[in-house]
Amino acid sequence: MKDCIVRATAANAQIRAFAVSSRELVEHARAAHNTSPVVTAALGRLMTGGVMMGSMLKGDKDMLTLQVAGSGPVHGLTVTADSKGNVKGYADNPQAMMPPNSVGKLDVGGVIGVGVLTVIKDMGLKEPYSSTIELKTGEIADDLTYYFATSEQVPSSVALGVLMDRNNTVKQAGGFIIQLMPFTEEKVIDALEQKLSSVPSVTSMLEEGNTPEQILEIVLGDLGLEITDTMPVQFYCNCNRERVEKVLLSLGKKELQSLIEEGRDVELNCHFCNTNYTFGIEELKKIRSRI
């Protein structure tokens, strides 16, 4: 199943919904950063939630950033997404380990610990919108549900899942976000709450071969589901050599001269995709001459 996001409405537009399959993009991040299984699950959940939240943005250049900072061994996670289905992310400590939780599953809440979630939306205005909340459980889905309720006043149900294979690659990943509009009738809310209480986990639905459309059908089929569109999603980093050169230019002539006098190649790393860019002495001289 190719990674994609599906957007839909239900109950005569009283409900809006998003569902995504994200196995390939989460596996891309795992391979790029060589993350431990529990960090793969944590980062994968945040990227899965982030790519759905990014698809809620209106403008082509709008950007969403999710930052988790916690007391656990992973220390922090950062994810950015745009409105076109592109997402990227990294963990501060990709190799962080944590014993399984009390039910034998990957302890995402434990590896993150006590901390905060910051949501930043850059929509081309003078200042980006930023909101910080305390983490409720560190399990990501609960925290995003709490964010929507407190910061955006939108009652939401967020479900996210990453299932690892025995060889520590990503077997399944995906999620959904269900949101109530302000005019939603009580009977619709009651019916939705009852349905959500009995819905299987996202990864179990994916394991059974369900697509994002079929997952929304399972959750909202009784409420008049209408699929509005489908969009591919991917791990995508927009770093390139030219952008990294600008970082070196920003150091200034004096700092560049100091690097040249050290007589060694300079290597810069992109946090998001873990790509290394190496600049030799002659390249550094050319960059310095442009200042």
C-alpha atoms as a PDB file:
ATOM      1  CA  MET A   1       0.000   0.000   0.000  1.00  0.00           C
ATOM      2  CA  LYS A   2       1.465   3.337  -1.092  1.00  0.00           C
ATOM      3  CA  ASP A   3       1.531   6.069   1.534  1.00  0.00           C
ATOM      4  CA  CYS A   4      -1.411   8.415   1.137  1.00  0.00           C
ATOM      5  CA  ILE A   5      -3.770  10.630   3.089  1.00  0.00           C
ATOM      6  CA  VAL A   6      -7.540  10.624   2.666  1.00  0.00           C
ATOM      7  CA  ARG A   7      -9.767  13.554   3.640  1.00  0.00           C
ATOM      8  CA  ALA A   8     -13.470  13.115   4.243  1.00  0.00           C
ATOM      9  CA  THR A   9     -16.609  14.428   5.897  1.00  0.00           C
ATOM     10  CA  ALA A  10     -19.512  12.644   7.571  1.00  0.00           C
ATOM     11  CA  ALA A  11     -22.935  13.380   9.082  1.00  0.00           C
ATOM     12  CA  ASN A  12     -23.657  16.101   6.530  1.00  0.00           C
ATOM     13  CA  ALA A  13     -20.321  17.838   7.146  1.00  0.00           C
ATOM     14  CA  GLN A  14     -20.781  17.886  10.925  1.00  0.00           C
ATOM     15  CA  ILE A  15     -17.629  15.747  11.097  1.00  0.00           C
ATOM     16  CA  ARG A  16     -14.379  16.113   9.204  1.00  0.00           C
ATOM     17  CA  ALA A  17     -11.882  13.292   9.061  1.00  0.00           C
ATOM     18  CA  PHE A  18      -8.369  12.419   7.929  1.00  0.00           C
ATOM     19  CA  ALA A  19      -6.718   9.016   7.635  1.00  0.00           C
ATOM     20  CA  VAL A  20      -3.223   8.143   6.464  1.00  0.00           C
ATOM     21  CA  SER A  21      -1.063   5.149   5.672  1.00  0.00           C
ATOM     22  CA  SER A  22       2.538   6.112   6.458  1.00  0.00           C
ATOM     23  CA  ARG A  23       4.638   2.935   6.547  1.00  0.00           C
ATOM     24  CA  GLU A  24       7.052   4.004   3.797  1.00  0.00           C
ATOM     25  CA  LEU A  25       7.779   7.470   5.204  1.00  0.00           C
ATOM     26  CA  VAL A  26       8.272   6.120   8.730  1.00  0.00           C
ATOM     27  CA  GLU A  27      10.594   3.402   7.399  1.00  0.00           C
ATOM     28  CA  HIS A  28      12.499   6.085   5.447  1.00  0.00           C
ATOM     29  CA  ALA A  29      13.055   8.012   8.691  1.00  0.00           C
ATOM     30  CA  ARG A  30      14.077   4.821  10.531  1.00  0.00           C
ATOM     31  CA  ALA A  31      16.660   3.965   7.885  1.00  0.00           C
ATOM     32  CA  ALA A  32      17.991   7.543   7.613  1.00  0.00           C
ATOM     33  CA  HIS A  33      18.468   7.983  11.355  1.00  0.00           C
ATOM     34  CA  ASN A  34      19.038   4.328  12.390  1.00  0.00           C
ATOM     35  CA  THR A  35      16.484   4.742  15.173  1.00  0.00           C
ATOM     36  CA  SER A  36      15.866   2.170  17.884  1.00  0.00           C
ATOM     37  CA  PRO A  37      12.440   0.452  17.694  1.00  0.00           C
ATOM     38  CA  VAL A  38      10.875   2.589  20.445  1.00  0.00           C
ATOM     39  CA  VAL A  39      12.210   5.826  18.882  1.00  0.00           C
ATOM     40  CA  THR A  40      10.969   4.665  15.467  1.00  0.00           C
ATOM     41  CA  ALA A  41       7.504   4.299  17.022  1.00  0.00           C
ATOM     42  CA  ALA A  42       7.672   7.694  18.742  1.00  0.00           C
ATOM     43  CA  LEU A  43       8.983   9.609  15.728  1.00  0.00           C
ATOM     44  CA  GLY A  44       6.716   7.642  13.384  1.00  0.00           C
ATOM     45  CA  ARG A  45       3.624   8.572  15.377  1.00  0.00           C
ATOM     46  CA  LEU A  46       4.609  12.257  15.461  1.00  0.00           C
ATOM     47  CA  MET A  47       5.318  12.282  11.702  1.00  0.00           C
ATOM     48  CA  THR A  48       2.023  10.513  11.003  1.00  0.00           C
ATOM     49  CA  GLY A  49       0.107  13.055  13.072  1.00  0.00           C
ATOM     50  CA  GLY A  50       2.148  15.887  11.581  1.00  0.00           C
ATOM     51  CA  VAL A  51       1.464  14.980   7.959  1.00  0.00           C
ATOM     52  CA  MET A  52      -2.305  14.922   8.662  1.00  0.00           C
ATOM     53  CA  MET A  53      -2.132  18.257  10.485  1.00  0.00           C
ATOM     54  CA  GLY A  54      -0.039  19.676   7.628  1.00  0.00           C
ATOM     55  CA  SER A  55      -2.782  18.732   5.186  1.00  0.00           C
ATOM     56  CA  MET A  56      -5.134  20.998   7.172  1.00  0.00           C
ATOM     57  CA  LEU A  57      -3.055  24.045   6.192  1.00  0.00           C
ATOM     58  CA  LYS A  58      -4.493  26.213   3.436  1.00  0.00           C
ATOM     59  CA  GLY A  59      -1.545  27.906   1.714  1.00  0.00           C
ATOM     60  CA  ASP A  60       0.993  26.257  -0.581  1.00  0.00           C
ATOM     61  CA  LYS A  61       3.878  27.719   1.452  1.00  0.00           C
ATOM     62  CA  ASP A  62       2.371  27.170   4.909  1.00  0.00           C
ATOM     63  CA  MET A  63       4.508  25.050   7.241  1.00  0.00           C
ATOM     64  CA  LEU A  64       3.759  23.157  10.433  1.00  0.00           C
ATOM     65  CA  THR A  65       6.361  22.239  13.057  1.00  0.00           C
ATOM     66  CA  LEU A  66       5.759  19.854  15.969  1.00  0.00           C
ATOM     67  CA  GLN A  67       8.362  19.800  18.742  1.00  0.00           C
ATOM     68  CA  VAL A  68       8.279  17.382  21.660  1.00  0.00           C
ATOM     69  CA  ALA A  69      10.675  18.005  24.548  1.00  0.00           C
ATOM     70  CA  GLY A  70      10.677  15.495  27.392  1.00  0.00           C
ATOM     71  CA  SER A  71      12.579  14.156  30.385  1.00  0.00           C
ATOM     72  CA  GLY A  72      12.934  10.680  28.847  1.00  0.00           C
ATOM     73  CA  PRO A  73      16.037   9.298  27.113  1.00  0.00           C
ATOM     74  CA  VAL A  74      15.032  10.451  23.609  1.00  0.00           C
ATOM     75  CA  HIS A  75      15.125  14.070  24.916  1.00  0.00           C
ATOM     76  CA  GLY A  76      13.198  15.525  21.972  1.00  0.00           C
ATOM     77  CA  LEU A  77      11.510  14.991  18.609  1.00  0.00           C
ATOM     78  CA  THR A  78      11.059  17.518  15.794  1.00  0.00           C
ATOM     79  CA  VAL A  79       8.752  17.127  12.785  1.00  0.00           C
ATOM     80  CA  THR A  80       7.859  19.567  10.021  1.00  0.00           C
ATOM     81  CA  ALA A  81       5.145  19.148   7.394  1.00  0.00           C
ATOM     82  CA  ASP A  82       3.586  21.189   4.614  1.00  0.00           C
ATOM     83  CA  SER A  83       0.147  21.269   3.004  1.00  0.00           C
ATOM     84  CA  LYS A  84       1.227  19.027   0.115  1.00  0.00           C
ATOM     85  CA  GLY A  85       1.884  15.782   1.987  1.00  0.00           C
ATOM     86  CA  ASN A  86       5.601  16.288   2.621  1.00  0.00           C
ATOM     87  CA  VAL A  87       6.954  15.554   6.100  1.00  0.00           C
ATOM     88  CA  LYS A  88      10.363  15.126   7.726  1.00  0.00           C
ATOM     89  CA  GLY A  89      11.585  14.599  11.261  1.00  0.00           C
ATOM     90  CA  TYR A  90      14.364  13.589  13.601  1.00  0.00           C
ATOM     91  CA  ALA A  91      15.003  12.522  17.195  1.00  0.00           C
ATOM     92  CA  ASP A  92      17.591  14.167  19.446  1.00  0.00           C
ATOM     93  CA  ASN A  93      18.761  10.731  20.623  1.00  0.00           C
ATOM     94  CA  PRO A  94      17.824   8.260  17.866  1.00  0.00           C
ATOM     95  CA  GLN A  95      19.331   5.270  19.689  1.00  0.00           C
ATOM     96  CA  ALA A  96      17.412   5.774  22.958  1.00  0.00           C
ATOM     97  CA  MET A  97      16.188   2.520  24.496  1.00  0.00           C
ATOM     98  CA  MET A  98      13.348   1.705  26.891  1.00  0.00           C
ATOM     99  CA  PRO A  99      12.047  -1.609  28.251  1.00  0.00           C
ATOM    100  CA  PRO A 100       8.545  -2.636  27.044  1.00  0.00           C
ATOM    101  CA  ASN A 101       5.626  -1.177  29.004  1.00  0.00           C
ATOM    102  CA  SER A 102       3.342  -3.123  31.361  1.00  0.00           C
ATOM    103  CA  VAL A 103       1.430  -4.705  28.467  1.00  0.00           C
ATOM    104  CA  GLY A 104       4.577  -5.667  26.564  1.00  0.00           C
ATOM    105  CA  LYS A 105       4.424  -2.916  23.940  1.00  0.00           C
ATOM    106  CA  LEU A 106       6.966  -0.278  22.912  1.00  0.00           C
ATOM    107  CA  ASP A 107       6.985   2.321  25.694  1.00  0.00           C
ATOM    108  CA  VAL A 108       6.698   5.556  23.700  1.00  0.00           C
ATOM    109  CA  GLY A 109       5.430   7.476  26.726  1.00  0.00           C
ATOM    110  CA  GLY A 110       8.398   6.261  28.744  1.00  0.00           C
ATOM    111  CA  VAL A 111      11.050   7.129  26.173  1.00  0.00           C
ATOM    112  CA  ILE A 112       9.595  10.660  25.902  1.00  0.00           C
ATOM    113  CA  GLY A 113       8.846  11.208  29.588  1.00  0.00           C
ATOM    114  CA  VAL A 114       7.349  14.318  31.194  1.00  0.00           C
ATOM    115  CA  GLY A 115       7.486  17.387  28.982  1.00  0.00           C
ATOM    116  CA  VAL A 116       5.805  19.689  26.491  1.00  0.00           C
ATOM    117  CA  LEU A 117       4.495  19.714  22.933  1.00  0.00           C
ATOM    118  CA  THR A 118       4.921  22.892  20.892  1.00  0.00           C
ATOM    119  CA  VAL A 119       2.947  23.413  17.677  1.00  0.00           C
ATOM    120  CA  ILE A 120       4.196  26.146  15.331  1.00  0.00           C
ATOM    121  CA  LYS A 121       2.290  27.191  12.213  1.00  0.00           C
ATOM    122  CA  ASP A 122       4.077  29.473   9.755  1.00  0.00           C
ATOM    123  CA  MET A 123       1.366  30.812   7.455  1.00  0.00           C
ATOM    124  CA  GLY A 124       3.255  33.752   5.961  1.00  0.00           C
ATOM    125  CA  LEU A 125       2.059  36.231   8.573  1.00  0.00           C
ATOM    126  CA  LYS A 126       4.309  38.629  10.492  1.00  0.00           C
ATOM    127  CA  GLU A 127       4.775  36.104  13.291  1.00  0.00           C
ATOM    128  CA  PRO A 128       4.191  32.332  13.227  1.00  0.00           C
ATOM    129  CA  TYR A 129       1.390  30.987  15.430  1.00  0.00           C
ATOM    130  CA  SER A 130       2.829  29.024  18.351  1.00  0.00           C
ATOM    131  CA  SER A 131       1.161  27.052  21.139  1.00  0.00           C
ATOM    132  CA  THR A 132       2.745  24.934  23.877  1.00  0.00           C
ATOM    133  CA  ILE A 133       0.943  22.367  26.012  1.00  0.00           C
ATOM    134  CA  GLU A 134       2.043  19.928  28.680  1.00  0.00           C
ATOM    135  CA  LEU A 135       2.260  16.335  27.511  1.00  0.00           C
ATOM    136  CA  LYS A 136      -0.613  14.289  28.893  1.00  0.00           C
ATOM    137  CA  THR A 137       0.873  10.820  28.366  1.00  0.00           C
ATOM    138  CA  GLY A 138       3.743  11.187  25.886  1.00  0.00           C
ATOM    139  CA  GLU A 139       2.007   8.621  23.684  1.00  0.00           C
ATOM    140  CA  ILE A 140       1.604  11.356  20.996  1.00  0.00           C
ATOM    141  CA  ALA A 141      -2.020  10.639  19.969  1.00  0.00           C
ATOM    142  CA  ASP A 142      -3.365  11.605  23.411  1.00  0.00           C
ATOM    143  CA  ASP A 143      -1.214  14.726  23.394  1.00  0.00           C
ATOM    144  CA  LEU A 144      -2.408  15.844  19.950  1.00  0.00           C
ATOM    145  CA  THR A 145      -6.025  15.200  21.029  1.00  0.00           C
ATOM    146  CA  TYR A 146      -5.403  17.448  24.054  1.00  0.00           C
ATOM    147  CA  TYR A 147      -3.735  20.090  21.860  1.00  0.00           C
ATOM    148  CA  PHE A 148      -6.744  20.301  19.527  1.00  0.00           C
ATOM    149  CA  ALA A 149      -9.144  20.610  22.475  1.00  0.00           C
ATOM    150  CA  THR A 150      -7.208  23.253  24.404  1.00  0.00           C
ATOM    151  CA  SER A 151      -5.389  25.317  21.767  1.00  0.00           C
ATOM    152  CA  GLU A 152      -7.778  25.131  18.818  1.00  0.00           C
ATOM    153  CA  GLN A 153     -11.020  24.384  20.706  1.00  0.00           C
ATOM    154  CA  VAL A 154     -11.808  21.579  18.257  1.00  0.00           C
ATOM    155  CA  PRO A 155     -13.046  18.331  19.875  1.00  0.00           C
ATOM    156  CA  SER A 156     -10.972  15.635  18.175  1.00  0.00           C
ATOM    157  CA  SER A 157     -10.072  11.980  18.330  1.00  0.00           C
ATOM    158  CA  VAL A 158      -6.513  11.190  17.242  1.00  0.00           C
ATOM    159  CA  ALA A 159      -5.324   7.601  16.702  1.00  0.00           C
ATOM    160  CA  LEU A 160      -1.751   6.810  15.642  1.00  0.00           C
ATOM    161  CA  GLY A 161       0.143   3.563  15.339  1.00  0.00           C
ATOM    162  CA  VAL A 162       3.515   2.125  14.308  1.00  0.00           C
ATOM    163  CA  LEU A 163       4.028  -1.644  14.219  1.00  0.00           C
ATOM    164  CA  MET A 164       7.581  -2.955  14.031  1.00  0.00           C
ATOM    165  CA  ASP A 165       8.612  -6.173  12.269  1.00  0.00           C
ATOM    166  CA  ARG A 166      10.894  -8.748  13.885  1.00  0.00           C
ATOM    167  CA  ASN A 167      13.875  -7.436  11.905  1.00  0.00           C
ATOM    168  CA  ASN A 168      13.168  -3.956  13.375  1.00  0.00           C
ATOM    169  CA  THR A 169      11.903  -2.480  10.116  1.00  0.00           C
ATOM    170  CA  VAL A 170       8.483  -0.823  10.005  1.00  0.00           C
ATOM    171  CA  LYS A 171       5.685  -3.277   9.282  1.00  0.00           C
ATOM    172  CA  GLN A 172       2.700  -0.907   9.494  1.00  0.00           C
ATOM    173  CA  ALA A 173       2.156   2.768  10.255  1.00  0.00           C
ATOM    174  CA  GLY A 174      -0.823   5.067   9.983  1.00  0.00           C
ATOM    175  CA  GLY A 175      -3.487   6.987  11.817  1.00  0.00           C
ATOM    176  CA  PHE A 176      -6.660   9.013  11.728  1.00  0.00           C
ATOM    177  CA  ILE A 177      -8.009  12.299  13.072  1.00  0.00           C
ATOM    178  CA  ILE A 178     -11.762  12.765  13.552  1.00  0.00           C
ATOM    179  CA  GLN A 179     -12.980  16.293  14.354  1.00  0.00           C
ATOM    180  CA  LEU A 180     -16.382  17.696  15.339  1.00  0.00           C
ATOM    181  CA  MET A 181     -17.632  20.943  13.854  1.00  0.00           C
ATOM    182  CA  PRO A 182     -19.200  23.532  16.232  1.00  0.00           C
ATOM    183  CA  PHE A 183     -22.710  22.750  14.975  1.00  0.00           C
ATOM    184  CA  THR A 184     -22.516  18.964  15.473  1.00  0.00           C
ATOM    185  CA  GLU A 185     -25.753  17.536  16.908  1.00  0.00           C
ATOM    186  CA  GLU A 186     -25.703  15.647  20.212  1.00  0.00           C
ATOM    187  CA  LYS A 187     -27.043  12.473  18.627  1.00  0.00           C
ATOM    188  CA  VAL A 188     -24.136  12.493  16.147  1.00  0.00           C
ATOM    189  CA  ILE A 189     -21.635  13.001  18.983  1.00  0.00           C
ATOM    190  CA  ASP A 190     -23.155  10.118  20.940  1.00  0.00           C
ATOM    191  CA  ALA A 191     -23.075   7.808  17.905  1.00  0.00           C
ATOM    192  CA  LEU A 192     -19.455   8.714  17.170  1.00  0.00           C
ATOM    193  CA  GLU A 193     -18.334   8.217  20.772  1.00  0.00           C
ATOM    194  CA  GLN A 194     -19.977   4.803  20.845  1.00  0.00           C
ATOM    195  CA  LYS A 195     -18.286   3.808  17.591  1.00  0.00           C
ATOM    196  CA  LEU A 196     -14.836   5.047  18.654  1.00  0.00           C
ATOM    197  CA  SER A 197     -15.050   3.041  21.873  1.00  0.00           C
ATOM    198  CA  SER A 198     -15.173  -0.202  19.880  1.00  0.00           C
ATOM    199  CA  VAL A 199     -12.843   0.565  16.952  1.00  0.00           C
ATOM    200  CA  PRO A 200      -9.743  -1.687  16.702  1.00  0.00           C
ATOM    201  CA  SER A 201      -6.257  -0.159  16.828  1.00  0.00           C
ATOM    202  CA  VAL A 202      -4.960   1.533  13.683  1.00  0.00           C
ATOM    203  CA  THR A 203      -2.164  -0.996  13.209  1.00  0.00           C
ATOM    204  CA  SER A 204      -4.541  -3.955  13.536  1.00  0.00           C
ATOM    205  CA  MET A 205      -6.802  -2.438  10.872  1.00  0.00           C
ATOM    206  CA  LEU A 206      -3.779  -1.892   8.615  1.00  0.00           C
ATOM    207  CA  GLU A 207      -2.575  -5.447   9.297  1.00  0.00           C
ATOM    208  CA  GLU A 208      -5.930  -6.711   8.050  1.00  0.00           C
ATOM    209  CA  GLY A 209      -5.235  -4.932   4.764  1.00  0.00           C
ATOM    210  CA  ASN A 210      -7.490  -1.920   5.245  1.00  0.00           C
ATOM    211  CA  THR A 211      -6.677   1.229   3.277  1.00  0.00           C
ATOM    212  CA  PRO A 212      -7.139   4.730   4.783  1.00  0.00           C
ATOM    213  CA  GLU A 213     -10.517   4.909   2.998  1.00  0.00           C
ATOM    214  CA  GLN A 214     -11.571   1.609   4.526  1.00  0.00           C
ATOM    215  CA  ILE A 215     -10.402   2.689   7.985  1.00  0.00           C
ATOM    216  CA  LEU A 216     -12.641   5.757   7.753  1.00  0.00           C
ATOM    217  CA  GLU A 217     -15.448   3.505   6.518  1.00  0.00           C
ATOM    218  CA  ILE A 218     -15.026   1.350   9.641  1.00  0.00           C
ATOM    219  CA  VAL A 219     -15.125   4.418  11.895  1.00  0.00           C
ATOM    220  CA  LEU A 220     -17.641   6.634  10.098  1.00  0.00           C
ATOM    221  CA  GLY A 221     -19.500   4.383   7.654  1.00  0.00           C
ATOM    222  CA  ASP A 222     -22.700   4.512   9.723  1.00  0.00           C
ATOM    223  CA  LEU A 223     -22.610   8.313   9.702  1.00  0.00           C
ATOM    224  CA  GLY A 224     -22.707   8.964   5.964  1.00  0.00           C
ATOM    225  CA  LEU A 225     -19.005   9.054   5.100  1.00  0.00           C
ATOM    226  CA  GLU A 226     -18.045  11.115   2.036  1.00  0.00           C
ATOM    227  CA  ILE A 227     -14.450  10.955   0.771  1.00  0.00           C
ATOM    228  CA  THR A 228     -13.430  14.410  -0.492  1.00  0.00           C
ATOM    229  CA  ASP A 229      -9.907  13.753  -1.779  1.00  0.00           C
ATOM    230  CA  THR A 230      -6.791  11.591  -1.636  1.00  0.00           C
ATOM    231  CA  MET A 231      -3.188  12.813  -1.679  1.00  0.00           C
ATOM    232  CA  PRO A 232       0.165  10.979  -1.683  1.00  0.00           C
ATOM    233  CA  VAL A 233       2.447  11.605   1.302  1.00  0.00           C
ATOM    234  CA  GLN A 234       6.214  11.142   1.638  1.00  0.00           C
ATOM    235  CA  PHE A 235       9.299  11.772   3.719  1.00  0.00           C
ATOM    236  CA  TYR A 236      10.854  14.748   1.945  1.00  0.00           C
ATOM    237  CA  CYS A 237      13.734  17.008   2.968  1.00  0.00           C
ATOM    238  CA  ASN A 238      14.405  20.172   0.977  1.00  0.00           C
ATOM    239  CA  CYS A 239      18.054  20.480   2.017  1.00  0.00           C
ATOM    240  CA  ASN A 240      20.669  20.765  -0.734  1.00  0.00           C
ATOM    241  CA  ARG A 241      24.269  21.870  -1.191  1.00  0.00           C
ATOM    242  CA  GLU A 242      23.279  25.422  -2.099  1.00  0.00           C
ATOM    243  CA  ARG A 243      21.301  25.837   1.145  1.00  0.00           C
ATOM    244  CA  VAL A 244      24.215  24.500   3.179  1.00  0.00           C
ATOM    245  CA  GLU A 245      26.573  26.940   1.434  1.00  0.00           C
ATOM    246  CA  LYS A 246      24.375  29.765   2.717  1.00  0.00           C
ATOM    247  CA  VAL A 247      24.961  28.504   6.263  1.00  0.00           C
ATOM    248  CA  LEU A 248      28.721  28.759   5.665  1.00  0.00           C
ATOM    249  CA  LEU A 249      28.303  32.230   4.150  1.00  0.00           C
ATOM    250  CA  SER A 250      26.441  33.339   7.266  1.00  0.00           C
ATOM    251  CA  LEU A 251      29.535  32.552   9.370  1.00  0.00           C
ATOM    252  CA  GLY A 252      31.312  35.588   7.947  1.00  0.00           C
ATOM    253  CA  LYS A 253      34.776  36.114   6.467  1.00  0.00           C
ATOM    254  CA  LYS A 254      36.716  35.851   9.748  1.00  0.00           C
ATOM    255  CA  GLU A 255      35.185  32.509  10.789  1.00  0.00           C
ATOM    256  CA  LEU A 256      35.600  31.058   7.289  1.00  0.00           C
ATOM    257  CA  GLN A 257      39.258  32.127   7.230  1.00  0.00           C
ATOM    258  CA  SER A 258      39.751  30.335  10.546  1.00  0.00           C
ATOM    259  CA  LEU A 259      38.250  27.137   9.073  1.00  0.00           C
ATOM    260  CA  ILE A 260      40.510  27.424   6.008  1.00  0.00           C
ATOM    261  CA  GLU A 261      43.611  27.865   8.180  1.00  0.00           C
ATOM    262  CA  GLU A 262      42.767  24.662  10.055  1.00  0.00           C
ATOM    263  CA  GLY A 263      43.456  22.890   6.764  1.00  0.00           C
ATOM    264  CA  ARG A 264      40.664  20.318   7.068  1.00  0.00           C
ATOM    265  CA  ASP A 265      37.492  19.602   5.119  1.00  0.00           C
ATOM    266  CA  VAL A 266      34.338  20.913   6.772  1.00  0.00           C
ATOM    267  CA  GLU A 267      31.391  18.528   7.088  1.00  0.00           C
ATOM    268  CA  LEU A 268      27.873  19.785   7.841  1.00  0.00           C
ATOM    269  CA  ASN A 269      24.957  17.478   8.628  1.00  0.00           C
ATOM    270  CA  CYS A 270      21.234  17.967   7.982  1.00  0.00           C
ATOM    271  CA  HIS A 271      19.369  16.952  11.155  1.00  0.00           C
ATOM    272  CA  PHE A 272      16.200  16.063   9.262  1.00  0.00           C
ATOM    273  CA  CYS A 273      17.508  13.610   6.661  1.00  0.00           C
ATOM    274  CA  ASN A 274      20.978  12.899   8.114  1.00  0.00           C
ATOM    275  CA  THR A 275      22.713  13.848   4.841  1.00  0.00           C
ATOM    276  CA  ASN A 276      26.317  15.023   5.185  1.00  0.00           C
ATOM    277  CA  TYR A 277      27.751  17.811   3.018  1.00  0.00           C
ATOM    278  CA  THR A 278      31.548  18.056   2.771  1.00  0.00           C
ATOM    279  CA  PHE A 279      33.374  21.221   1.685  1.00  0.00           C
ATOM    280  CA  GLY A 280      37.074  21.164   0.814  1.00  0.00           C
ATOM    281  CA  ILE A 281      39.574  23.983   1.401  1.00  0.00           C
ATOM    282  CA  GLU A 282      39.257  25.321  -2.164  1.00  0.00           C
ATOM    283  CA  GLU A 283      35.461  25.389  -1.892  1.00  0.00           C
ATOM    284  CA  LEU A 284      35.716  27.263   1.395  1.00  0.00           C
ATOM    285  CA  LYS A 285      37.991  29.833  -0.270  1.00  0.00           C
ATOM    286  CA  LYS A 286      35.452  30.348  -3.055  1.00  0.00           C
ATOM    287  CA  ILE A 287      32.660  30.815  -0.513  1.00  0.00           C
ATOM    288  CA  ARG A 288      34.800  33.302   1.444  1.00  0.00           C
ATOM    289  CA  SER A 289      35.486  35.290  -1.755  1.00  0.00           C
ATOM    290  CA  ARG A 290      31.742  35.860  -2.188  1.00  0.00           C
ATOM    291  CA  ILE A 291      31.483  37.819   1.050  1.00  0.00           C
END
